[in-house]
N, C-alpha and C. Protein backbone atom coordinates (compact mmCIF):
# COMPACT_ATOMS: atom_id res chain seq x y z
N MET A 1 -12.30 28.47 -0.28
CA MET A 1 -13.52 28.10 0.55
C MET A 1 -13.45 26.16 0.15
N ARG A 2 -12.86 25.61 1.26
CA ARG A 2 -13.01 24.31 1.43
C ARG A 2 -14.35 23.38 0.99
N LYS A 3 -14.50 22.63 0.01
CA LYS A 3 -15.72 21.87 -0.05
C LYS A 3 -15.51 20.08 0.73
N GLU A 4 -16.90 20.18 1.38
CA GLU A 4 -17.39 19.13 2.16
C GLU A 4 -17.09 17.89 0.81
N GLN A 5 -16.34 16.52 1.52
CA GLN A 5 -16.40 15.68 -0.04
C GLN A 5 -16.29 14.50 0.70
N PRO A 6 -16.58 13.38 -0.12
CA PRO A 6 -16.80 11.99 0.57
C PRO A 6 -15.12 11.40 0.51
N ILE A 7 -14.83 10.57 1.15
CA ILE A 7 -13.20 10.15 1.14
C ILE A 7 -13.47 8.66 0.05
N MET A 8 -12.14 9.17 -0.78
CA MET A 8 -12.79 8.12 -2.12
C MET A 8 -11.54 7.27 -1.85
N THR A 9 -12.48 5.88 -2.42
CA THR A 9 -12.01 4.49 -1.93
C THR A 9 -11.05 3.97 -3.19
N SER A 10 -9.61 3.82 -2.60
CA SER A 10 -8.74 3.31 -3.98
C SER A 10 -8.11 2.21 -3.46
N LYS A 11 -7.85 1.44 -4.62
CA LYS A 11 -6.58 0.28 -4.34
C LYS A 11 -5.46 0.72 -3.81
N THR A 12 -4.90 1.94 -4.49
CA THR A 12 -3.68 2.65 -4.56
C THR A 12 -3.53 3.61 -3.22
N PRO A 13 -2.57 3.83 -2.77
CA PRO A 13 -2.38 5.13 -1.91
C PRO A 13 -2.57 6.49 -2.57
N THR A 14 -2.44 6.73 -4.04
CA THR A 14 -2.45 7.56 -4.82
C THR A 14 -3.84 7.65 -5.88
N ILE A 15 -3.84 8.68 -6.66
CA ILE A 15 -4.38 8.96 -7.65
C ILE A 15 -3.89 10.28 -8.67
N LYS A 16 -4.19 9.85 -9.82
CA LYS A 16 -3.53 11.08 -10.70
C LYS A 16 -4.64 12.38 -10.31
N LEU A 17 -3.96 13.51 -10.95
CA LEU A 17 -4.72 14.77 -10.77
C LEU A 17 -5.83 14.89 -11.91
N ASP A 18 -5.59 14.11 -12.59
CA ASP A 18 -7.06 14.30 -13.94
C ASP A 18 -8.09 13.53 -13.63
N GLN A 19 -7.58 12.44 -12.93
CA GLN A 19 -8.58 11.17 -12.13
C GLN A 19 -9.58 11.82 -11.07
N PHE A 20 -8.83 12.71 -10.39
CA PHE A 20 -9.53 13.42 -9.30
C PHE A 20 -10.45 14.07 -9.58
N LEU A 21 -9.76 14.95 -10.63
CA LEU A 21 -10.88 16.20 -11.26
C LEU A 21 -12.20 15.84 -11.82
N LYS A 22 -12.03 14.38 -12.07
CA LYS A 22 -12.95 13.44 -12.80
C LYS A 22 -13.85 13.43 -11.70
N TRP A 23 -13.60 12.22 -10.86
CA TRP A 23 -13.92 12.08 -9.60
C TRP A 23 -14.96 12.71 -8.99
N MET A 24 -14.09 14.04 -8.67
CA MET A 24 -14.88 14.94 -8.03
C MET A 24 -15.91 15.75 -8.58
N GLY A 25 -16.12 15.75 -9.85
CA GLY A 25 -17.19 16.29 -10.61
C GLY A 25 -16.68 17.69 -11.35
N ILE A 26 -15.41 17.87 -11.01
CA ILE A 26 -14.76 19.26 -11.57
C ILE A 26 -14.67 19.36 -12.95
N ALA A 27 -14.26 18.26 -13.60
CA ALA A 27 -14.26 17.93 -14.71
C ALA A 27 -15.37 16.94 -15.23
N ALA A 28 -15.98 17.32 -16.70
CA ALA A 28 -17.02 16.30 -16.98
C ALA A 28 -16.26 15.17 -17.66
N THR A 29 -15.02 15.46 -18.33
CA THR A 29 -14.47 14.04 -18.72
C THR A 29 -13.17 14.39 -18.58
N GLY A 30 -12.34 13.32 -19.06
CA GLY A 30 -11.04 13.36 -18.93
C GLY A 30 -10.16 14.42 -20.06
N GLY A 31 -11.05 14.57 -21.28
CA GLY A 31 -10.53 15.92 -21.87
C GLY A 31 -10.74 16.97 -21.32
N GLU A 32 -11.13 17.31 -20.80
CA GLU A 32 -12.04 18.71 -20.09
C GLU A 32 -10.82 19.07 -19.04
N ALA A 33 -10.62 17.72 -18.35
CA ALA A 33 -9.43 17.97 -17.24
C ALA A 33 -8.37 18.49 -17.66
N LYS A 34 -8.21 17.44 -18.79
CA LYS A 34 -6.75 17.53 -19.45
C LYS A 34 -6.26 19.33 -19.65
N ILE A 35 -7.54 19.66 -20.38
CA ILE A 35 -7.30 21.37 -20.61
C ILE A 35 -6.93 22.23 -19.67
N MET A 36 -7.91 21.80 -18.78
CA MET A 36 -8.02 22.77 -17.37
C MET A 36 -6.37 22.82 -16.68
N ILE A 37 -5.79 21.85 -16.69
CA ILE A 37 -4.81 21.38 -16.26
C ILE A 37 -3.86 21.97 -17.08
N GLN A 38 -3.60 22.02 -18.22
CA GLN A 38 -2.61 22.65 -19.24
C GLN A 38 -2.38 23.85 -19.35
N ASN A 39 -3.75 24.49 -18.96
CA ASN A 39 -4.29 25.81 -19.24
C ASN A 39 -3.58 26.51 -17.85
N GLY A 40 -3.37 25.82 -16.78
CA GLY A 40 -2.85 26.35 -15.43
C GLY A 40 -3.88 26.52 -14.74
N GLU A 41 -4.87 26.41 -14.85
CA GLU A 41 -6.13 26.19 -13.80
C GLU A 41 -6.59 25.59 -12.41
N VAL A 42 -5.39 24.53 -12.26
CA VAL A 42 -4.96 24.07 -11.14
C VAL A 42 -3.98 23.73 -10.41
N GLN A 43 -4.33 24.16 -8.90
CA GLN A 43 -3.04 24.32 -8.13
C GLN A 43 -3.09 23.27 -7.39
N VAL A 44 -2.18 22.64 -7.01
CA VAL A 44 -1.66 21.09 -5.98
C VAL A 44 -0.97 21.95 -4.90
N ASN A 45 -1.45 21.88 -3.74
CA ASN A 45 -0.71 22.24 -2.49
C ASN A 45 0.06 23.68 -2.79
N GLY A 46 -1.09 24.87 -3.19
CA GLY A 46 -0.14 26.11 -3.47
C GLY A 46 0.38 26.53 -4.87
N THR A 47 0.60 25.39 -5.46
CA THR A 47 1.25 25.37 -6.91
C THR A 47 0.69 24.73 -8.00
N THR A 48 0.65 26.04 -8.90
CA THR A 48 0.42 25.52 -10.43
C THR A 48 0.89 24.29 -10.67
N GLU A 49 0.28 23.32 -10.98
CA GLU A 49 0.47 22.21 -11.86
C GLU A 49 -0.19 21.86 -13.25
N THR A 50 1.13 21.81 -13.87
CA THR A 50 0.58 21.46 -15.63
C THR A 50 0.76 19.72 -15.80
N ARG A 51 0.85 19.03 -14.91
CA ARG A 51 1.07 17.66 -15.25
C ARG A 51 0.03 17.00 -14.57
N ARG A 52 -0.93 16.03 -15.74
CA ARG A 52 -2.08 15.81 -15.48
C ARG A 52 -2.14 14.11 -14.68
N SER A 53 -0.57 13.89 -15.04
CA SER A 53 -0.46 12.56 -14.30
C SER A 53 0.22 12.37 -12.84
N ARG A 54 0.57 13.83 -12.45
CA ARG A 54 0.90 14.40 -11.07
C ARG A 54 0.11 13.42 -9.99
N GLN A 55 0.35 12.22 -9.18
CA GLN A 55 0.17 11.75 -8.28
C GLN A 55 -0.21 12.42 -6.87
N LEU A 56 -1.59 12.31 -6.65
CA LEU A 56 -1.79 13.28 -5.36
C LEU A 56 -2.16 11.97 -4.53
N VAL A 57 -1.93 11.90 -3.14
CA VAL A 57 -2.04 11.69 -1.82
C VAL A 57 -2.75 12.43 -0.93
N SER A 58 -3.21 11.83 0.43
CA SER A 58 -3.91 11.83 1.36
C SER A 58 -3.36 13.04 2.08
N GLY A 59 -4.35 13.94 2.02
CA GLY A 59 -3.73 15.43 3.00
C GLY A 59 -3.47 16.58 1.80
N ASP A 60 -3.18 15.97 0.37
CA ASP A 60 -2.87 16.89 -0.83
C ASP A 60 -4.14 17.74 -0.74
N PHE A 61 -3.82 19.15 -1.03
CA PHE A 61 -5.02 20.04 -1.28
C PHE A 61 -4.96 20.67 -2.75
N VAL A 62 -6.41 20.41 -3.41
CA VAL A 62 -6.31 20.91 -4.71
C VAL A 62 -7.07 21.81 -5.26
N MET A 63 -6.91 23.44 -5.61
CA MET A 63 -7.67 24.05 -5.80
C MET A 63 -7.87 24.87 -7.44
N VAL A 64 -9.33 24.66 -7.58
CA VAL A 64 -9.59 25.11 -8.91
C VAL A 64 -10.82 25.90 -8.84
N GLY A 65 -10.67 27.05 -9.23
CA GLY A 65 -12.02 28.38 -9.49
C GLY A 65 -12.26 28.64 -8.74
N GLY A 66 -11.63 28.95 -7.54
CA GLY A 66 -11.35 29.24 -5.84
C GLY A 66 -11.93 28.29 -5.19
N GLU A 67 -12.15 27.46 -5.69
CA GLU A 67 -12.61 26.14 -4.56
C GLU A 67 -11.51 25.49 -4.43
N THR A 68 -11.37 25.02 -2.82
CA THR A 68 -10.27 24.23 -2.70
C THR A 68 -10.51 22.89 -2.24
N TYR A 69 -10.17 21.50 -2.26
CA TYR A 69 -10.72 20.19 -2.29
C TYR A 69 -9.62 19.46 -1.57
N ASN A 70 -9.85 19.02 -0.68
CA ASN A 70 -8.87 18.05 0.07
C ASN A 70 -8.89 16.60 -0.55
N VAL A 71 -7.71 16.17 -0.60
CA VAL A 71 -7.85 14.65 -1.18
C VAL A 71 -7.60 13.50 0.18
N GLU A 72 -8.55 12.57 0.34
CA GLU A 72 -8.50 11.92 1.19
C GLU A 72 -8.70 10.40 0.42
N LEU A 73 -7.82 9.78 0.50
CA LEU A 73 -8.15 8.34 0.14
C LEU A 73 -8.34 7.29 0.84
N ASN A 74 -8.66 6.34 0.81
CA ASN A 74 -8.92 4.94 1.96
C ASN A 74 -8.97 3.89 1.02
N GLY A 75 -7.27 3.52 0.90
CA GLY A 75 -6.61 2.61 0.02
C GLY A 75 -5.40 1.90 0.74
């Protein structure tokens, strides 16, 4: 199921995966985001992603715990 979410305002057209998880409130801390990613709990565009520095762009989809989040950057 897709979550309704605000559009993120960014100075760049990308955001790191771990930062996205924190900004969306999926992870409470950077450490928690890192563990979630390293444990294979996060998918980007349908593929398990284990790099926390993965750069996301508008149009990407992040799936965590059965929820899908659309990446929308305004930058």
